Protein backbone atom coordinates (compact mmCIF):
# COMPACT_ATOMS: atom_id res chain seq x y z
CA MET A 1 -9.97 11.53 22.84
CA LYS A 2 -11.72 7.99 23.50
CA VAL A 3 -14.16 8.78 20.67
CA VAL A 4 -11.36 9.68 18.28
CA ARG A 5 -9.27 6.70 19.21
CA ALA A 6 -12.33 4.61 18.64
CA VAL A 7 -13.22 6.16 15.20
CA LEU A 8 -9.66 6.00 13.84
CA GLY A 9 -9.54 2.44 15.03
CA LYS A 10 -12.77 1.34 13.52
CA ILE A 11 -11.87 3.01 10.26
CA SER A 12 -8.66 1.71 10.23
CA ALA A 13 -9.48 -1.76 10.69
CA PHE A 14 -12.43 -1.56 8.07
CA LEU A 15 -10.11 -0.22 5.66
CA ALA A 16 -7.48 -2.86 6.28
CA ARG A 17 -9.74 -5.47 6.01
CA ALA A 18 -11.33 -3.99 2.64
CA SER A 19 -7.20 -3.67 1.57
CA GLY A 20 -6.67 -7.37 2.10
CA ILE A 21 -9.72 -8.40 0.21
CA ILE A 22 -8.65 -6.32 -2.87
CA VAL A 23 -5.04 -7.49 -2.31
CA VAL A 24 -6.02 -11.17 -3.13
CA VAL A 25 -8.63 -10.05 -5.56
CA LEU A 26 -5.49 -8.39 -7.50
CA CYS A 27 -3.36 -11.40 -6.75
CA ILE A 28 -5.64 -13.47 -8.44
CA GLY A 29 -5.82 -11.03 -11.24
CA LEU A 30 -2.25 -10.42 -11.56
CA VAL A 31 -1.95 -14.44 -11.74
CA VAL A 32 -4.45 -14.88 -14.39
CA SER A 33 -2.94 -12.14 -16.42
CA LEU A 34 0.32 -13.66 -16.07
CA LEU A 35 -0.86 -17.08 -17.03
CA THR A 36 -2.76 -15.81 -20.11
CA SER A 37 0.58 -14.25 -21.19
CA VAL A 38 2.69 -17.27 -20.64
CA PHE A 39 -0.10 -19.63 -22.46
CA PHE A 40 -0.32 -17.28 -25.26
CA ARG A 41 3.55 -17.16 -25.79
CA TYR A 42 4.34 -20.64 -25.20
CA VAL A 43 1.13 -22.82 -26.19
CA ILE A 44 -0.42 -21.01 -28.70
CA GLY A 45 2.71 -18.83 -30.41
CA GLN A 46 1.26 -15.62 -30.49
CA ALA A 47 2.30 -13.12 -27.65
CA LEU A 48 -0.24 -10.77 -26.37
CA SER A 49 0.92 -7.14 -25.36
CA TRP A 50 -1.95 -6.20 -23.24
CA PRO A 51 -1.26 -8.58 -20.00
CA GLU A 52 2.06 -6.69 -19.29
CA GLU A 53 0.13 -3.36 -18.93
CA ILE A 54 -2.48 -4.98 -16.77
CA SER A 55 0.00 -7.05 -14.71
CA LEU A 56 2.05 -3.74 -14.05
CA ILE A 57 -1.13 -1.91 -13.03
CA LEU A 58 -2.13 -5.09 -10.74
CA PHE A 59 1.21 -5.16 -9.22
CA THR A 60 1.60 -1.77 -8.39
CA TRP A 61 -1.61 -1.68 -6.49
CA LEU A 62 -1.12 -4.79 -4.63
CA VAL A 63 2.42 -3.90 -3.49
CA LEU A 64 1.50 -0.54 -2.26
CA LEU A 65 -1.91 -1.50 -0.43
CA ALA A 66 0.00 -4.58 0.98
CA GLY A 67 2.42 -1.75 2.34
CA SER A 68 -0.52 0.25 3.88
CA LEU A 69 -2.07 -2.98 5.29
CA GLY A 70 1.54 -3.79 6.95
CA VAL A 71 1.59 -0.31 8.51
CA HIS A 72 -2.04 -1.46 9.97
CA GLU A 73 -0.72 -4.84 11.00
CA GLY A 74 2.77 -3.90 12.16
CA PHE A 75 4.59 -6.24 9.76
CA HIS A 76 6.56 -3.78 8.41
CA VAL A 77 10.33 -4.68 8.11
CA ARG A 78 12.61 -3.58 11.02
CA LEU A 79 15.58 -4.31 12.99
CA THR A 80 15.07 -5.24 16.83
CA ILE A 81 18.40 -6.28 18.15
CA VAL A 82 18.75 -3.02 19.74
CA THR A 83 15.23 -2.23 20.63
CA ASP A 84 14.72 -5.46 22.27
CA ARG A 85 17.43 -4.71 25.04
CA LEU A 86 15.83 -1.37 25.72
CA PRO A 87 13.70 -0.36 28.67
CA ARG A 88 9.79 -0.78 28.03
CA ASN A 89 9.27 2.97 27.87
CA LEU A 90 12.11 3.54 25.74
CA LYS A 91 11.02 0.87 23.23
CA LEU A 92 7.74 2.48 23.27
CA ILE A 93 9.12 5.99 22.29
CA LEU A 94 11.33 4.37 19.39
CA GLU A 95 8.24 2.76 18.20
CA ARG A 96 5.88 5.62 18.13
CA LEU A 97 8.79 7.67 16.71
CA THR A 98 9.24 4.85 13.89
CA THR A 99 5.49 5.01 13.23
CA ALA A 100 5.63 8.82 13.01
CA ALA A 101 8.37 8.56 10.49
CA ILE A 102 6.14 5.75 8.68
CA GLY A 103 2.96 8.42 8.83
CA ALA A 104 5.66 10.93 7.25
CA PHE A 105 6.49 8.97 4.26
CA GLY A 106 2.93 8.29 3.81
CA VAL A 107 2.27 12.18 3.38
CA ILE A 108 5.30 12.31 1.19
CA MET A 109 3.53 9.68 -0.99
CA ILE A 110 0.07 11.67 -1.30
CA TYR A 111 2.20 14.72 -2.06
CA SER A 112 4.50 13.14 -4.69
CA GLY A 113 1.96 10.86 -5.97
CA TYR A 114 -0.80 13.59 -6.57
CA ASP A 115 2.06 15.73 -8.18
CA LEU A 116 2.74 12.40 -10.64
CA VAL A 117 -0.92 12.19 -11.30
CA GLN A 118 -1.19 15.91 -12.27
CA ARG A 119 1.85 15.88 -14.52
CA THR A 120 0.91 12.66 -16.50
CA ALA A 121 -3.10 13.22 -16.45
CA GLU A 122 -3.28 13.17 -20.27
CA HIS A 123 -0.97 10.02 -20.80
CA LEU A 124 -2.05 6.94 -21.93
CA THR A 125 -0.89 3.23 -21.70
CA PRO A 126 0.77 2.13 -25.01
CA THR A 127 -1.32 -0.75 -26.15
CA LEU A 128 -4.81 -0.61 -23.97
CA ARG A 129 -4.70 2.99 -24.37
CA LEU A 130 -6.08 3.26 -20.71
CA SER A 131 -5.36 6.55 -18.61
CA LEU A 132 -2.06 6.22 -16.49
CA ASP A 133 -4.29 7.74 -13.71
CA TRP A 134 -5.28 3.71 -13.18
CA LEU A 135 -1.51 3.41 -12.35
CA ASN A 136 -0.70 6.59 -10.70
CA TYR A 137 -3.24 7.24 -8.15
CA ALA A 138 -1.73 3.99 -6.23
CA ALA A 139 0.51 6.25 -4.45
CA PRO A 140 -1.60 8.93 -3.13
CA VAL A 141 -4.45 6.67 -2.42
CA CYS A 142 -1.90 4.38 -0.18
CA GLY A 143 -0.42 7.22 1.13
CA VAL A 144 -3.56 8.27 2.61
CA LEU A 145 -3.97 4.60 3.74
CA ILE A 146 -0.43 4.72 5.40
CA CYS A 147 -1.19 8.14 7.13
CA LEU A 148 -4.54 6.91 8.66
CA HIS A 149 -3.01 3.52 9.85
CA ALA A 150 0.09 5.24 11.33
CA LEU A 151 -2.41 7.75 12.97
CA ALA A 152 -4.73 5.11 14.68
CA ALA A 153 -1.64 3.44 16.13
CA LEU A 154 -0.31 6.63 17.24
CA VAL A 155 -3.25 7.49 19.19
CA LYS A 156 -3.69 4.14 20.37
CA PRO A 157 -2.53 4.16 24.07
CA GLY A 158 0.41 2.07 25.19
CA LYS A 159 0.30 0.13 21.60
CA GLU A 160 3.18 -1.23 20.41
CA ILE A 161 3.76 -1.45 16.99
């Protein structure tokens, strides 16, 4: 079991670092895309249509990757007014149940996201004619990351999230 914990922990940490780097790159791309759109619309006087599509794809990946990173780092939103008053053992059980529920949400993202990808397999974006797969694969990929990070947190002994 220690080997499984160690391997899961290392994989989760590596993917979290990679996700963090990708999130930064996506943020930069999103800002560049939005600034390009604003510059052409208000300075040049010619609105471009493609930055909106690029921004949508980048924003979707950015939000979902940052959400999966939140599972690894434990910075997801929660109310602690009740849990702070609980005994340590009960608090730990509640934290693990919460992590398991987050992992279940990841499974739902995988299933629903993959279904969406299958249903929109031949669709293209209106302007750039890119496959919608670029957008829709964000859900199942980030669902896998959420499940992996939640599982790594669950097998870690005494880990409070």
